[in-house]
Amino acid sequence: QVHLVESGGGLVQPGGSLRLSCVASETIYSMGWYRQAPGKQRELVATVTFEGATNYADSVMGRFVISRDNARNRVSLQMNNLLPEDTAVYYCYASGGEVSWGRGTLVTVSS
């Protein structure tokens, strides 16, 4: 299983920005982010393939940007115009057939 190490997250006011990063222990086809808010199921945020094809949840389209550095096995998520409903634990995701998850990093959007 691929080992994933996340960084970033924290507390930010509504309208603010945060950047999440995740480094994988090896090259893997698809990487991205999911999130889980209290009392809710884990949901897709955004993914990006090795070739750069991206997929976003409707709720973050136009506000979040996912990017990938294949040389460093790193995926990043730039989150802009954050809303209180973006508050969740964000999990790094990787899949090359088998799915791997990071430990999660908390993002809190509150004034």
Foldseek 3Di string as FASTA:
>chain_A
DKAKDKDKADEAAAQAKIKMKIFIPAQAFKKAKWWDDPPGDIGGAKMAGPVGDMDGDPVQPPFKDWDADRVRRMIMIIGGRDDQVVFTWMWMWGDRPDIDIYPTHTHGYHD
